[in-house]
């Protein structure tokens, strides 16, 4: 038995902003019905998952409530099969 997984065709971070309360906001666009992970790193080598979600329809907004506690942070969106 062979299962072939087809990755999503749309998976992008549309915008990223820092609000007046110093929280980092991401607006994501991704294919519905797939699972995704938002990950964070301070050195681009070690990545930690902040949240996992399944995209329904439309855009997904994520707010990193802990971002004000870090001098620098990098974010990535990853497909989770």
PDB file of N, CA and C in Angstrom:
ATOM      1  N   UNK A   1       0.843  -1.162   0.000  1.00  0.00           N
ATOM      2  CA  UNK A   1       0.000   0.000   0.000  1.00  0.00           C
ATOM      3  C   UNK A   1       0.892   1.231   0.000  1.00  0.00           C
ATOM      4  N   UNK A   2       0.586   2.165  -0.859  1.00  0.00           N
ATOM      5  CA  UNK A   2       1.372   3.390  -0.986  1.00  0.00           C
ATOM      6  C   UNK A   2       0.451   4.584  -0.838  1.00  0.00           C
ATOM      7  N   UNK A   3       0.785   5.460   0.083  1.00  0.00           N
ATOM      8  CA  UNK A   3       0.051   6.723   0.249  1.00  0.00           C
ATOM      9  C   UNK A   3       0.910   7.852  -0.272  1.00  0.00           C
ATOM     10  N   UNK A   4       0.365   8.642  -1.158  1.00  0.00           N
ATOM     11  CA  UNK A   4       1.077   9.800  -1.694  1.00  0.00           C
ATOM     12  C   UNK A   4       0.463  11.052  -1.093  1.00  0.00           C
ATOM     13  N   UNK A   5       1.295  11.820  -0.398  1.00  0.00           N
ATOM     14  CA  UNK A   5       0.819  13.056   0.205  1.00  0.00           C
ATOM     15  C   UNK A   5       1.139  14.222  -0.725  1.00  0.00           C
ATOM     16  N   UNK A   6       0.135  14.981  -1.045  1.00  0.00           N
ATOM     17  CA  UNK A   6       0.313  16.150  -1.899  1.00  0.00           C
ATOM     18  C   UNK A   6       0.358  17.379  -1.006  1.00  0.00           C
ATOM     19  N   UNK A   7       1.446  18.145  -1.059  1.00  0.00           N
ATOM     20  CA  UNK A   7       1.549  19.331  -0.197  1.00  0.00           C
ATOM     21  C   UNK A   7       0.604  20.440  -0.664  1.00  0.00           C
ATOM     22  N   UNK A   8       0.325  21.382   0.206  1.00  0.00           N
ATOM     23  CA  UNK A   8      -0.517  22.513  -0.179  1.00  0.00           C
ATOM     24  C   UNK A   8       0.182  23.344  -1.260  1.00  0.00           C
ATOM     25  N   UNK A   9      -0.630  23.963  -2.108  1.00  0.00           N
ATOM     26  CA  UNK A   9      -0.043  24.796  -3.168  1.00  0.00           C
ATOM     27  C   UNK A   9       0.136  26.238  -2.725  1.00  0.00           C
ATOM     28  N   UNK A  10      -0.639  26.672  -1.743  1.00  0.00           N
ATOM     29  CA  UNK A  10      -0.527  28.037  -1.219  1.00  0.00           C
ATOM     30  C   UNK A  10      -0.142  27.971   0.246  1.00  0.00           C
ATOM     31  N   UNK A  11       0.971  28.613   0.592  1.00  0.00           N
ATOM     32  CA  UNK A  11       1.430  28.637   1.974  1.00  0.00           C
ATOM     33  C   UNK A  11       2.360  29.840   2.104  1.00  0.00           C
ATOM     34  N   UNK A  12       1.840  30.950   2.612  1.00  0.00           N
ATOM     35  CA  UNK A  12       2.651  32.164   2.652  1.00  0.00           C
ATOM     36  C   UNK A  12       2.298  33.053   3.835  1.00  0.00           C
ATOM     37  N   UNK A  13       3.289  33.788   4.277  1.00  0.00           N
ATOM     38  CA  UNK A  13       3.073  34.827   5.278  1.00  0.00           C
ATOM     39  C   UNK A  13       2.822  36.115   4.509  1.00  0.00           C
ATOM     40  N   UNK A  14       1.614  36.654   4.612  1.00  0.00           N
ATOM     41  CA  UNK A  14       1.245  37.848   3.859  1.00  0.00           C
ATOM     42  C   UNK A  14       1.761  39.126   4.491  1.00  0.00           C
ATOM     43  N   UNK A  15       1.706  39.192   5.811  1.00  0.00           N
ATOM     44  CA  UNK A  15       2.197  40.395   6.481  1.00  0.00           C
ATOM     45  C   UNK A  15       2.657  40.062   7.887  1.00  0.00           C
ATOM     46  N   UNK A  16       3.545  40.890   8.368  1.00  0.00           N
ATOM     47  CA  UNK A  16       4.024  40.769   9.738  1.00  0.00           C
ATOM     48  C   UNK A  16       4.207  42.177  10.281  1.00  0.00           C
ATOM     49  N   UNK A  17       3.646  42.421  11.443  1.00  0.00           N
ATOM     50  CA  UNK A  17       3.719  43.749  12.046  1.00  0.00           C
ATOM     51  C   UNK A  17       3.926  43.629  13.551  1.00  0.00           C
ATOM     52  N   UNK A  18       4.425  44.695  14.128  1.00  0.00           N
ATOM     53  CA  UNK A  18       4.533  44.791  15.581  1.00  0.00           C
ATOM     54  C   UNK A  18       3.547  45.860  16.024  1.00  0.00           C
ATOM     55  N   UNK A  19       2.644  45.493  16.904  1.00  0.00           N
ATOM     56  CA  UNK A  19       1.615  46.425  17.359  1.00  0.00           C
ATOM     57  C   UNK A  19       2.186  47.403  18.387  1.00  0.00           C
ATOM     58  N   UNK A  20       1.386  48.367  18.768  1.00  0.00           N
ATOM     59  CA  UNK A  20       1.818  49.363  19.749  1.00  0.00           C
ATOM     60  C   UNK A  20       2.124  48.739  21.109  1.00  0.00           C
ATOM     61  N   UNK A  21       1.523  47.581  21.396  1.00  0.00           N
ATOM     62  CA  UNK A  21       1.826  46.889  22.656  1.00  0.00           C
ATOM     63  C   UNK A  21       2.992  45.899  22.485  1.00  0.00           C
ATOM     64  N   UNK A  22       3.746  46.045  21.381  1.00  0.00           N
ATOM     65  CA  UNK A  22       4.960  45.280  21.071  1.00  0.00           C
ATOM     66  C   UNK A  22       4.709  43.792  20.871  1.00  0.00           C
ATOM     67  N   UNK A  23       3.519  43.422  20.424  1.00  0.00           N
ATOM     68  CA  UNK A  23       3.221  42.030  20.102  1.00  0.00           C
ATOM     69  C   UNK A  23       3.352  41.835  18.597  1.00  0.00           C
ATOM     70  N   UNK A  24       3.893  40.705  18.204  1.00  0.00           N
ATOM     71  CA  UNK A  24       4.134  40.408  16.804  1.00  0.00           C
ATOM     72  C   UNK A  24       2.901  39.752  16.197  1.00  0.00           C
ATOM     73  N   UNK A  25       2.421  40.308  15.086  1.00  0.00           N
ATOM     74  CA  UNK A  25       1.231  39.803  14.389  1.00  0.00           C
ATOM     75  C   UNK A  25       1.632  39.238  13.035  1.00  0.00           C
ATOM     76  N   UNK A  26       1.105  38.066  12.710  1.00  0.00           N
ATOM     77  CA  UNK A  26       1.296  37.452  11.391  1.00  0.00           C
ATOM     78  C   UNK A  26      -0.065  37.248  10.739  1.00  0.00           C
ATOM     79  N   UNK A  27      -0.152  37.535   9.457  1.00  0.00           N
ATOM     80  CA  UNK A  27      -1.328  37.195   8.661  1.00  0.00           C
ATOM     81  C   UNK A  27      -0.866  36.157   7.645  1.00  0.00           C
ATOM     82  N   UNK A  28      -1.513  34.991   7.659  1.00  0.00           N
ATOM     83  CA  UNK A  28      -1.103  33.869   6.825  1.00  0.00           C
ATOM     84  C   UNK A  28      -2.179  33.512   5.814  1.00  0.00           C
ATOM     85  N   UNK A  29      -1.738  33.058   4.656  1.00  0.00           N
ATOM     86  CA  UNK A  29      -2.633  32.537   3.636  1.00  0.00           C
ATOM     87  C   UNK A  29      -2.169  31.120   3.341  1.00  0.00           C
ATOM     88  N   UNK A  30      -3.081  30.146   3.451  1.00  0.00           N
ATOM     89  CA  UNK A  30      -2.715  28.757   3.226  1.00  0.00           C
ATOM     90  C   UNK A  30      -3.933  27.988   2.734  1.00  0.00           C
ATOM     91  N   UNK A  31      -3.658  26.911   2.011  1.00  0.00           N
ATOM     92  CA  UNK A  31      -4.739  26.083   1.488  1.00  0.00           C
ATOM     93  C   UNK A  31      -5.578  25.498   2.621  1.00  0.00           C
ATOM     94  N   UNK A  32      -6.898  25.515   2.483  1.00  0.00           N
ATOM     95  CA  UNK A  32      -7.756  24.911   3.503  1.00  0.00           C
ATOM     96  C   UNK A  32      -7.630  23.385   3.528  1.00  0.00           C
ATOM     97  N   UNK A  33      -7.879  22.830   4.717  1.00  0.00           N
ATOM     98  CA  UNK A  33      -7.873  21.388   4.891  1.00  0.00           C
ATOM     99  C   UNK A  33      -6.517  20.793   5.230  1.00  0.00           C
ATOM    100  N   UNK A  34      -5.463  21.595   5.274  1.00  0.00           N
ATOM    101  CA  UNK A  34      -4.129  21.118   5.603  1.00  0.00           C
ATOM    102  C   UNK A  34      -3.736  21.574   7.001  1.00  0.00           C
ATOM    103  N   UNK A  35      -2.828  20.825   7.631  1.00  0.00           N
ATOM    104  CA  UNK A  35      -2.291  21.200   8.930  1.00  0.00           C
ATOM    105  C   UNK A  35      -1.010  21.996   8.763  1.00  0.00           C
ATOM    106  N   UNK A  36      -0.809  22.981   9.631  1.00  0.00           N
ATOM    107  CA  UNK A  36       0.355  23.859   9.564  1.00  0.00           C
ATOM    108  C   UNK A  36       0.930  24.076  10.958  1.00  0.00           C
ATOM    109  N   UNK A  37       2.185  24.476  11.002  1.00  0.00           N
ATOM    110  CA  UNK A  37       2.848  24.821  12.250  1.00  0.00           C
ATOM    111  C   UNK A  37       3.527  26.173  12.074  1.00  0.00           C
ATOM    112  N   UNK A  38       3.372  27.040  13.059  1.00  0.00           N
ATOM    113  CA  UNK A  38       4.130  28.293  13.102  1.00  0.00           C
ATOM    114  C   UNK A  38       5.270  28.042  14.069  1.00  0.00           C
ATOM    115  N   UNK A  39       6.496  28.234  13.563  1.00  0.00           N
ATOM    116  CA  UNK A  39       7.676  27.960  14.369  1.00  0.00           C
ATOM    117  C   UNK A  39       8.495  29.226  14.549  1.00  0.00           C
ATOM    118  N   UNK A  40       9.295  29.244  15.616  1.00  0.00           N
ATOM    119  CA  UNK A  40      10.085  30.422  15.968  1.00  0.00           C
ATOM    120  C   UNK A  40      11.517  29.989  16.283  1.00  0.00           C
ATOM    121  N   UNK A  41      12.456  30.903  15.999  1.00  0.00           N
ATOM    122  CA  UNK A  41      13.863  30.652  16.275  1.00  0.00           C
ATOM    123  C   UNK A  41      14.549  31.967  16.617  1.00  0.00           C
ATOM    124  N   UNK A  42      15.593  31.884  17.414  1.00  0.00           N
ATOM    125  CA  UNK A  42      16.399  33.078  17.693  1.00  0.00           C
ATOM    126  C   UNK A  42      17.708  33.053  16.918  1.00  0.00           C
ATOM    127  N   UNK A  43      18.019  31.887  16.281  1.00  0.00           N
ATOM    128  CA  UNK A  43      19.302  31.768  15.573  1.00  0.00           C
ATOM    129  C   UNK A  43      19.190  31.121  14.187  1.00  0.00           C
ATOM    130  N   UNK A  44      17.995  30.818  13.731  1.00  0.00           N
ATOM    131  CA  UNK A  44      17.715  30.162  12.452  1.00  0.00           C
ATOM    132  C   UNK A  44      18.249  28.716  12.383  1.00  0.00           C
ATOM    133  N   UNK A  45      18.703  28.184  13.505  1.00  0.00           N
ATOM    134  CA  UNK A  45      19.175  26.795  13.560  1.00  0.00           C
ATOM    135  C   UNK A  45      18.236  25.920  14.376  1.00  0.00           C
ATOM    136  N   UNK A  46      17.866  26.385  15.549  1.00  0.00           N
ATOM    137  CA  UNK A  46      16.960  25.672  16.444  1.00  0.00           C
ATOM    138  C   UNK A  46      15.557  26.260  16.289  1.00  0.00           C
ATOM    139  N   UNK A  47      14.581  25.420  15.919  1.00  0.00           N
ATOM    140  CA  UNK A  47      13.202  25.881  15.716  1.00  0.00           C
ATOM    141  C   UNK A  47      12.287  25.235  16.746  1.00  0.00           C
ATOM    142  N   UNK A  48      11.343  26.037  17.238  1.00  0.00           N
ATOM    143  CA  UNK A  48      10.372  25.574  18.235  1.00  0.00           C
ATOM    144  C   UNK A  48       8.978  25.902  17.727  1.00  0.00           C
ATOM    145  N   UNK A  49       8.068  24.964  17.852  1.00  0.00           N
ATOM    146  CA  UNK A  49       6.693  25.184  17.417  1.00  0.00           C
ATOM    147  C   UNK A  49       5.958  26.073  18.419  1.00  0.00           C
ATOM    148  N   UNK A  50       5.320  27.115  17.897  1.00  0.00           N
ATOM    149  CA  UNK A  50       4.492  27.976  18.755  1.00  0.00           C
ATOM    150  C   UNK A  50       3.043  27.521  18.763  1.00  0.00           C
ATOM    151  N   UNK A  51       2.566  27.090  17.597  1.00  0.00           N
ATOM    152  CA  UNK A  51       1.187  26.629  17.493  1.00  0.00           C
ATOM    153  C   UNK A  51       1.026  25.776  16.248  1.00  0.00           C
ATOM    154  N   UNK A  52       0.073  24.883  16.296  1.00  0.00           N
ATOM    155  CA  UNK A  52      -0.336  24.095  15.135  1.00  0.00           C
ATOM    156  C   UNK A  52      -1.795  24.394  14.868  1.00  0.00           C
ATOM    157  N   UNK A  53      -2.167  24.377  13.595  1.00  0.00           N
ATOM    158  CA  UNK A  53      -3.561  24.648  13.263  1.00  0.00           C
ATOM    159  C   UNK A  53      -3.895  23.993  11.930  1.00  0.00           C
ATOM    160  N   UNK A  54      -5.189  23.780  11.706  1.00  0.00           N
ATOM    161  CA  UNK A  54      -5.699  23.326  10.419  1.00  0.00           C
ATOM    162  C   UNK A  54      -6.424  24.511   9.815  1.00  0.00           C
ATOM    163  N   UNK A  55      -6.027  24.867   8.614  1.00  0.00           N
ATOM    164  CA  UNK A  55      -6.612  26.029   7.953  1.00  0.00           C
ATOM    165  C   UNK A  55      -8.007  25.683   7.454  1.00  0.00           C
ATOM    166  N   UNK A  56      -8.986  26.500   7.838  1.00  0.00           N
ATOM    167  CA  UNK A  56     -10.357  26.329   7.339  1.00  0.00           C
ATOM    168  C   UNK A  56     -10.475  27.049   6.002  1.00  0.00           C
ATOM    169  N   UNK A  57     -10.905  28.263   6.051  1.00  0.00           N
ATOM    170  CA  UNK A  57     -11.025  29.076   4.832  1.00  0.00           C
ATOM    171  C   UNK A  57     -10.623  30.501   5.173  1.00  0.00           C
ATOM    172  N   UNK A  58     -10.130  31.207   4.210  1.00  0.00           N
ATOM    173  CA  UNK A  58      -9.740  32.597   4.439  1.00  0.00           C
ATOM    174  C   UNK A  58      -8.349  32.702   5.043  1.00  0.00           C
ATOM    175  N   UNK A  59      -8.076  33.846   5.607  1.00  0.00           N
ATOM    176  CA  UNK A  59      -6.761  34.131   6.168  1.00  0.00           C
ATOM    177  C   UNK A  59      -6.704  33.703   7.633  1.00  0.00           C
ATOM    178  N   UNK A  60      -5.502  33.440   8.121  1.00  0.00           N
ATOM    179  CA  UNK A  60      -5.292  33.051   9.509  1.00  0.00           C
ATOM    180  C   UNK A  60      -4.426  34.119  10.164  1.00  0.00           C
ATOM    181  N   UNK A  61      -4.873  34.643  11.306  1.00  0.00           N
ATOM    182  CA  UNK A  61      -4.092  35.639  12.043  1.00  0.00           C
ATOM    183  C   UNK A  61      -3.509  34.984  13.289  1.00  0.00           C
ATOM    184  N   UNK A  62      -2.225  35.240  13.504  1.00  0.00           N
ATOM    185  CA  UNK A  62      -1.541  34.716  14.680  1.00  0.00           C
ATOM    186  C   UNK A  62      -0.868  35.872  15.405  1.00  0.00           C
ATOM    187  N   UNK A  63      -1.016  35.912  16.736  1.00  0.00           N
ATOM    188  CA  UNK A  63      -0.372  36.929  17.562  1.00  0.00           C
ATOM    189  C   UNK A  63       0.540  36.207  18.545  1.00  0.00           C
ATOM    190  N   UNK A  64       1.823  36.559  18.507  1.00  0.00           N
ATOM    191  CA  UNK A  64       2.796  35.975  19.424  1.00  0.00           C
ATOM    192  C   UNK A  64       2.797  36.807  20.702  1.00  0.00           C
ATOM    193  N   UNK A  65       2.088  36.318  21.712  1.00  0.00           N
ATOM    194  CA  UNK A  65       1.938  37.056  22.965  1.00  0.00           C
ATOM    195  C   UNK A  65       3.237  37.147  23.752  1.00  0.00           C
ATOM    196  N   UNK A  66       4.243  36.350  23.391  1.00  0.00           N
ATOM    197  CA  UNK A  66       5.506  36.316  24.114  1.00  0.00           C
ATOM    198  C   UNK A  66       6.612  37.095  23.393  1.00  0.00           C
ATOM    199  N   UNK A  67       6.315  37.676  22.258  1.00  0.00           N
ATOM    200  CA  UNK A  67       7.354  38.300  21.424  1.00  0.00           C
ATOM    201  C   UNK A  67       8.057  39.480  22.087  1.00  0.00           C
ATOM    202  N   UNK A  68       7.393  40.193  22.960  1.00  0.00           N
ATOM    203  CA  UNK A  68       8.016  41.351  23.611  1.00  0.00           C
ATOM    204  C   UNK A  68       9.158  40.948  24.544  1.00  0.00           C
ATOM    205  N   UNK A  69       9.231  39.677  24.902  1.00  0.00           N
ATOM    206  CA  UNK A  69      10.269  39.198  25.810  1.00  0.00           C
ATOM    207  C   UNK A  69      11.568  38.806  25.099  1.00  0.00           C
ATOM    208  N   UNK A  70      11.614  38.959  23.785  1.00  0.00           N
ATOM    209  CA  UNK A  70      12.777  38.550  23.014  1.00  0.00           C
ATOM    210  C   UNK A  70      13.332  39.702  22.198  1.00  0.00           C
ATOM    211  N   UNK A  71      14.642  39.790  22.137  1.00  0.00           N
ATOM    212  CA  UNK A  71      15.294  40.849  21.378  1.00  0.00           C
ATOM    213  C   UNK A  71      15.153  40.616  19.878  1.00  0.00           C
ATOM    214  N   UNK A  72      15.290  39.365  19.454  1.00  0.00           N
ATOM    215  CA  UNK A  72      15.085  39.024  18.048  1.00  0.00           C
ATOM    216  C   UNK A  72      14.445  37.647  17.961  1.00  0.00           C
ATOM    217  N   UNK A  73      13.572  37.503  16.953  1.00  0.00           N
ATOM    218  CA  UNK A  73      12.877  36.242  16.704  1.00  0.00           C
ATOM    219  C   UNK A  73      12.625  36.104  15.217  1.00  0.00           C
ATOM    220  N   UNK A  74      12.763  34.882  14.719  1.00  0.00           N
ATOM    221  CA  UNK A  74      12.467  34.579  13.333  1.00  0.00           C
ATOM    222  C   UNK A  74      11.285  33.626  13.300  1.00  0.00           C
ATOM    223  N   UNK A  75      10.433  33.775  12.289  1.00  0.00           N
ATOM    224  CA  UNK A  75       9.228  32.961  12.183  1.00  0.00           C
ATOM    225  C   UNK A  75       9.224  32.218  10.855  1.00  0.00           C
ATOM    226  N   UNK A  76       8.613  31.026  10.867  1.00  0.00           N
ATOM    227  CA  UNK A  76       8.376  30.320   9.617  1.00  0.00           C
ATOM    228  C   UNK A  76       7.069  29.545   9.720  1.00  0.00           C
ATOM    229  N   UNK A  77       6.476  29.342   8.574  1.00  0.00           N
ATOM    230  CA  UNK A  77       5.252  28.568   8.447  1.00  0.00           C
ATOM    231  C   UNK A  77       5.620  27.259   7.775  1.00  0.00           C
ATOM    232  N   UNK A  78       5.205  26.135   8.380  1.00  0.00           N
ATOM    233  CA  UNK A  78       5.576  24.828   7.875  1.00  0.00           C
ATOM    234  C   UNK A  78       4.333  23.942   7.749  1.00  0.00           C
ATOM    235  N   UNK A  79       4.259  23.194   6.663  1.00  0.00           N
ATOM    236  CA  UNK A  79       3.186  22.225   6.454  1.00  0.00           C
ATOM    237  C   UNK A  79       3.435  21.030   7.359  1.00  0.00           C
ATOM    238  N   UNK A  80       2.386  20.573   8.033  1.00  0.00           N
ATOM    239  CA  UNK A  80       2.463  19.393   8.906  1.00  0.00           C
ATOM    240  C   UNK A  80       1.549  18.323   8.317  1.00  0.00           C
ATOM    241  N   UNK A  81       2.143  17.318   7.630  1.00  0.00           N
ATOM    242  CA  UNK A  81       1.297  16.272   7.006  1.00  0.00           C
ATOM    243  C   UNK A  81       0.597  15.403   8.027  1.00  0.00           C
TER     244      UNK A  81
END
